[in-house]
Amino acid sequence: MNISRGLLSLFFCTCLFQGFITPKNKLREGIIIQGHRFYDGNLHEIKTGITGYDSKVWFLDSCVIYEMVSLNMYTDSYHKSTSGVTIDRYVYLDLKTMIYYDYSNFSDTATLLRRYTLHPDSTNLTWRFFRHKQLIPSLDSLVAIKDTVVNGKNYKRMQKEISRDEGGKTLKMVCTYYMQCGMPKSIFHLDGVFDDKFNDCEASRFDYYIVGKPNRYLSFYEIISDTLSSTEHKIFKKWSQNALTTNLSMEHSWKFDQVATDSIEARSKRKSD
């Protein structure tokens, strides 16, 4: 049986952290789910890679814990291929220091595998907490379009058509922000600049399509809890203590693909031991 693994970042578009101090009007703890979807021209979901897998992110004050997963491709002796998603590790990130800590599982007794920083030019698309940026070049000339309902929730929508040069051709893209008003505020944003512009509402979904192309691409997040359990609090407490007491050497300025490759190799070794 041949097995190939590729570590994939879970955010198609980025969730951004607004600051290291949680304002009083925002949640100081909780859980979100986030993910992305691909759709064909008839809005039927296209299942590829980790599409359809909604990962969890736990947050408490200026620290977060998030899942990183691998897409595993299996080919048997009859050349039949199947795939599956495996949680590769849990990453604890202290936003005050921007130091990452990899753990083997989600428990207060989990093994600390690595302590590192990421290079500013890392190819990591998942966690750009330190960058307050927007998803499109300009928020001028946004147009309000008809509200819609998704999974029983009402969304206001703002839309804009933008142009992008690619391979000597000009592509036109239609981008749509899906806004919820009155939802609990948190440290997470698909587009922090957009949310600042529309202070009473936040965009928790964003999609776009290229004019003349059938596919549509969606990124989203959803707050599923505004509290943490006693067990989750215990994990945060223990992992924050570990950050202060660990003897692991600091690995500086890693590229994200280096962390991914090394993590996959380490996991394979652990399974073979």
Protein backbone atom coordinates (compact mmCIF):
# COMPACT_ATOMS: atom_id res chain seq x y z
CA MET A 1 0.00 0.00 0.00
CA ASN A 2 1.36 3.43 -0.94
CA ILE A 3 0.63 6.32 1.36
CA SER A 4 1.27 9.97 0.58
CA ARG A 5 0.65 12.75 3.06
CA GLY A 6 0.37 16.47 2.62
CA LEU A 7 -0.11 18.91 5.48
CA LEU A 8 -2.65 21.54 4.55
CA SER A 9 -3.44 24.81 6.25
CA LEU A 10 -7.07 24.97 7.20
CA PHE A 11 -7.87 28.55 6.34
CA PHE A 12 -8.49 29.32 2.69
CA CYS A 13 -8.74 32.94 3.78
CA THR A 14 -7.19 34.18 6.96
CA CYS A 15 -8.70 34.74 10.36
CA LEU A 16 -6.88 37.69 11.86
CA PHE A 17 -6.21 38.69 15.45
CA GLN A 18 -6.94 42.33 16.16
CA GLY A 19 -4.70 42.90 19.16
CA PHE A 20 -3.05 41.30 22.14
CA ILE A 21 -5.51 42.68 24.70
CA THR A 22 -9.10 41.47 24.47
CA PRO A 23 -11.39 44.56 24.63
CA LYS A 24 -14.11 44.53 27.24
CA ASN A 25 -16.85 44.27 24.61
CA LYS A 26 -15.39 41.09 23.10
CA LEU A 27 -15.42 37.49 24.20
CA ARG A 28 -12.33 36.59 26.24
CA GLU A 29 -12.81 32.86 25.73
CA GLY A 30 -14.66 30.41 23.52
CA ILE A 31 -14.51 28.09 20.53
CA ILE A 32 -14.96 28.68 16.83
CA ILE A 33 -15.17 26.37 13.87
CA GLN A 34 -13.75 27.44 10.55
CA GLY A 35 -13.39 26.00 7.12
CA HIS A 36 -13.77 26.51 3.41
CA ARG A 37 -15.88 25.14 0.58
CA PHE A 38 -15.68 24.85 -3.20
CA TYR A 39 -18.87 24.87 -5.31
CA ASP A 40 -19.60 24.22 -8.96
CA GLY A 41 -21.75 26.40 -11.20
CA ASN A 42 -24.93 24.85 -9.79
CA LEU A 43 -23.74 25.52 -6.21
CA HIS A 44 -23.17 21.83 -5.57
CA GLU A 45 -20.27 21.28 -3.21
CA ILE A 46 -17.07 19.88 -4.72
CA LYS A 47 -15.34 17.52 -2.31
CA THR A 48 -11.58 17.89 -2.64
CA GLY A 49 -8.80 17.63 -0.07
CA ILE A 50 -9.87 18.89 3.33
CA THR A 51 -12.88 20.74 1.93
CA GLY A 52 -15.79 20.00 4.21
CA TYR A 53 -13.64 19.49 7.30
CA ASP A 54 -14.48 22.17 9.87
CA SER A 55 -11.65 22.57 12.34
CA LYS A 56 -11.89 23.85 15.91
CA VAL A 57 -10.05 26.78 17.41
CA TRP A 58 -10.05 27.43 21.16
CA PHE A 59 -9.17 30.86 22.53
CA LEU A 60 -8.54 32.36 25.94
CA ASP A 61 -7.37 35.96 26.33
CA SER A 62 -4.20 36.29 24.23
CA CYS A 63 -3.65 32.56 23.60
CA VAL A 64 -5.18 30.19 21.08
CA ILE A 65 -5.05 26.47 20.39
CA TYR A 66 -5.82 25.22 16.91
CA GLU A 67 -5.83 21.98 14.96
CA MET A 68 -3.50 21.24 12.09
CA VAL A 69 -4.48 18.32 9.88
CA SER A 70 -2.99 16.12 7.19
CA LEU A 71 -4.74 14.84 4.10
CA ASN A 72 -3.81 11.18 3.79
CA MET A 73 -4.02 9.50 0.40
CA TYR A 74 -4.03 5.70 0.35
CA THR A 75 -3.56 3.49 -2.71
CA ASP A 76 -4.09 -0.24 -2.25
CA SER A 77 -2.68 -3.12 -4.29
CA TYR A 78 -5.65 -2.85 -6.68
CA HIS A 79 -4.77 0.80 -7.36
CA LYS A 80 -7.88 2.02 -5.60
CA SER A 81 -7.33 5.38 -3.92
CA THR A 82 -9.04 6.69 -0.83
CA SER A 83 -8.39 9.71 1.34
CA GLY A 84 -8.95 10.81 4.90
CA VAL A 85 -8.15 13.67 7.26
CA THR A 86 -6.00 13.17 10.34
CA ILE A 87 -5.33 15.72 13.08
CA ASP A 88 -1.58 16.03 12.82
CA ARG A 89 -1.01 18.09 15.96
CA TYR A 90 -2.40 20.85 18.15
CA VAL A 91 -0.68 24.21 18.08
CA TYR A 92 -0.62 26.52 21.11
CA LEU A 93 0.19 30.11 20.15
CA ASP A 94 0.98 32.85 22.63
CA LEU A 95 0.00 36.04 20.83
CA LYS A 96 2.05 38.24 23.15
CA THR A 97 5.29 36.53 22.16
CA MET A 98 4.30 35.00 18.78
CA ILE A 99 5.88 31.72 19.85
CA TYR A 100 4.32 28.46 18.64
CA TYR A 101 4.20 25.20 20.63
CA ASP A 102 3.28 21.90 18.96
CA TYR A 103 1.52 19.24 21.06
CA SER A 104 0.79 15.60 20.32
CA ASN A 105 -2.84 15.69 21.50
CA PHE A 106 -5.44 17.87 23.18
CA SER A 107 -4.91 17.19 26.87
CA ASP A 108 -3.06 18.65 29.85
CA THR A 109 -0.71 15.63 29.77
CA ALA A 110 0.11 15.95 26.06
CA THR A 111 3.74 15.81 24.96
CA LEU A 112 5.28 19.10 23.91
CA LEU A 113 6.95 18.37 20.57
CA ARG A 114 8.44 21.66 19.45
CA ARG A 115 8.85 25.35 20.30
CA TYR A 116 9.48 27.75 17.41
CA THR A 117 8.85 31.05 15.70
CA LEU A 118 7.79 31.45 12.08
CA HIS A 119 9.67 33.50 9.54
CA PRO A 120 7.76 36.64 8.44
CA ASP A 121 7.87 35.32 4.86
CA SER A 122 6.54 31.90 5.84
CA THR A 123 4.11 30.36 3.38
CA ASN A 124 1.72 29.67 6.27
CA LEU A 125 -1.72 30.86 5.13
CA THR A 126 -3.46 29.88 8.31
CA TRP A 127 -2.52 32.20 11.15
CA ARG A 128 -1.59 35.77 10.32
CA PHE A 129 -2.69 37.15 13.68
CA PHE A 130 -0.16 39.93 13.57
CA ARG A 131 -1.37 41.35 10.25
CA HIS A 132 -4.43 43.58 10.17
CA LYS A 133 -5.20 43.33 6.47
CA GLN A 134 -8.11 43.05 4.08
CA LEU A 135 -9.10 40.38 1.60
CA ILE A 136 -9.50 42.68 -1.41
CA PRO A 137 -7.34 45.65 -2.47
CA SER A 138 -9.94 48.31 -1.67
CA LEU A 139 -13.25 48.50 0.18
CA ASP A 140 -14.42 51.51 -1.83
CA SER A 141 -17.54 51.16 -4.00
CA LEU A 142 -18.97 48.16 -2.15
CA VAL A 143 -22.58 47.54 -3.16
CA ALA A 144 -25.28 46.21 -0.82
CA ILE A 145 -27.14 43.25 -2.30
CA LYS A 146 -30.15 41.28 -1.10
CA ASP A 147 -29.95 39.62 2.33
CA THR A 148 -29.74 35.85 2.38
CA VAL A 149 -30.29 33.02 4.85
CA VAL A 150 -27.64 30.32 5.39
CA ASN A 151 -28.25 27.46 7.80
CA GLY A 152 -31.11 29.38 9.37
CA LYS A 153 -29.05 32.54 9.95
CA ASN A 154 -29.71 35.87 8.27
CA TYR A 155 -26.81 37.61 6.54
CA LYS A 156 -26.53 41.07 5.07
CA ARG A 157 -24.27 41.13 2.02
CA MET A 158 -21.84 43.58 0.47
CA GLN A 159 -20.36 42.88 -2.95
CA LYS A 160 -17.66 44.23 -5.22
CA GLU A 161 -16.17 43.31 -8.58
CA ILE A 162 -12.38 43.56 -8.79
CA SER A 163 -9.81 42.89 -11.50
CA ARG A 164 -6.66 40.83 -11.20
CA ASP A 165 -3.85 40.25 -13.68
CA GLU A 166 -2.84 36.64 -14.11
CA GLY A 167 -0.57 35.30 -16.82
CA GLY A 168 -1.02 38.41 -18.95
CA LYS A 169 -4.80 38.17 -18.74
CA THR A 170 -7.16 40.33 -16.72
CA LEU A 171 -9.55 38.32 -14.59
CA LYS A 172 -12.70 39.80 -13.11
CA MET A 173 -13.68 38.50 -9.69
CA VAL A 174 -16.95 39.05 -7.84
CA CYS A 175 -16.34 39.12 -4.07
CA THR A 176 -19.10 38.98 -1.47
CA TYR A 177 -18.96 39.61 2.27
CA TYR A 178 -21.66 37.95 4.41
CA MET A 179 -22.31 40.05 7.52
CA GLN A 180 -23.99 39.13 10.78
CA CYS A 181 -25.23 41.91 12.99
CA GLY A 182 -25.55 41.57 16.74
CA MET A 183 -23.34 38.46 16.87
CA PRO A 184 -20.87 38.13 19.75
CA LYS A 185 -17.59 39.90 19.06
CA SER A 186 -14.39 37.89 19.26
CA ILE A 187 -10.72 38.20 18.35
CA PHE A 188 -11.29 36.49 14.99
CA HIS A 189 -11.91 38.23 11.70
CA LEU A 190 -11.91 37.18 8.09
CA ASP A 191 -11.21 40.82 7.24
CA GLY A 192 -10.42 43.10 10.15
CA VAL A 193 -10.41 46.25 8.01
CA PHE A 194 -13.88 45.45 6.70
CA ASP A 195 -15.21 44.82 10.22
CA ASP A 196 -13.81 48.17 11.35
CA LYS A 197 -15.67 49.86 8.50
CA PHE A 198 -18.99 48.23 9.44
CA ASN A 199 -18.70 48.46 13.20
CA ASP A 200 -22.12 47.02 14.11
CA CYS A 201 -21.71 43.94 11.91
CA GLU A 202 -18.92 41.47 11.20
CA ALA A 203 -18.23 39.42 8.11
CA SER A 204 -18.05 35.78 9.12
CA ARG A 205 -18.33 34.44 5.55
CA PHE A 206 -16.61 35.51 2.34
CA ASP A 207 -16.92 34.06 -1.13
CA TYR A 208 -15.76 34.89 -4.62
CA TYR A 209 -15.99 33.62 -8.17
CA ILE A 210 -14.20 34.49 -11.38
CA VAL A 211 -16.49 35.85 -14.08
CA GLY A 212 -16.83 33.25 -16.83
CA LYS A 213 -15.69 30.41 -14.56
CA PRO A 214 -18.16 28.02 -12.90
CA ASN A 215 -16.58 27.53 -9.47
CA ARG A 216 -17.26 29.52 -6.32
CA TYR A 217 -14.94 29.60 -3.28
CA LEU A 218 -16.08 30.19 0.29
CA SER A 219 -14.32 30.79 3.62
CA PHE A 220 -16.15 31.07 6.93
CA TYR A 221 -15.96 30.90 10.69
CA GLU A 222 -18.64 30.48 13.33
CA ILE A 223 -18.57 30.96 17.09
CA ILE A 224 -19.96 27.75 18.58
CA SER A 225 -19.30 28.52 22.25
CA ASP A 226 -18.59 31.62 24.32
CA THR A 227 -17.22 29.59 27.23
CA LEU A 228 -14.59 26.92 27.80
CA SER A 229 -15.11 23.79 29.86
CA SER A 230 -13.12 23.10 33.04
CA THR A 231 -11.06 20.57 31.08
CA GLU A 232 -10.27 23.12 28.37
CA HIS A 233 -9.30 25.69 31.02
CA LYS A 234 -7.02 23.09 32.55
CA ILE A 235 -5.29 22.54 29.19
CA PHE A 236 -4.72 26.27 28.68
CA LYS A 237 -3.33 26.60 32.21
CA LYS A 238 -0.95 23.66 31.82
CA TRP A 239 0.26 24.64 28.36
CA SER A 240 0.86 28.24 29.48
CA GLN A 241 2.94 26.88 32.38
CA ASN A 242 4.85 24.64 29.97
CA ALA A 243 5.69 27.70 27.87
CA LEU A 244 7.47 29.19 30.89
CA THR A 245 9.24 26.06 32.10
CA THR A 246 10.10 24.02 28.99
CA ASN A 247 13.74 23.18 28.29
CA LEU A 248 13.10 22.64 24.60
CA SER A 249 15.40 24.74 22.45
CA MET A 250 13.83 27.54 20.44
CA GLU A 251 13.75 26.97 16.69
CA HIS A 252 13.81 30.37 15.02
CA SER A 253 12.38 31.61 11.74
CA TRP A 254 11.03 28.33 10.44
CA LYS A 255 9.25 28.28 7.12
CA PHE A 256 5.78 26.79 7.42
CA ASP A 257 6.56 24.07 4.87
CA GLN A 258 9.60 23.06 6.97
CA VAL A 259 7.41 22.70 10.07
CA ALA A 260 4.85 20.73 8.05
CA THR A 261 7.35 18.31 6.52
CA ASP A 262 9.19 17.74 9.78
CA SER A 263 5.94 17.18 11.65
CA ILE A 264 4.74 14.58 9.14
CA GLU A 265 8.05 12.73 9.27
CA ALA A 266 8.03 12.77 13.07
CA ARG A 267 4.48 11.42 13.16
CA SER A 268 5.38 8.64 10.73
CA LYS A 269 8.32 7.69 12.93
CA ARG A 270 6.14 7.62 16.04
CA LYS A 271 3.69 5.28 14.30
CA SER A 272 6.46 2.93 13.21
CA ASP A 273 8.09 2.75 16.67
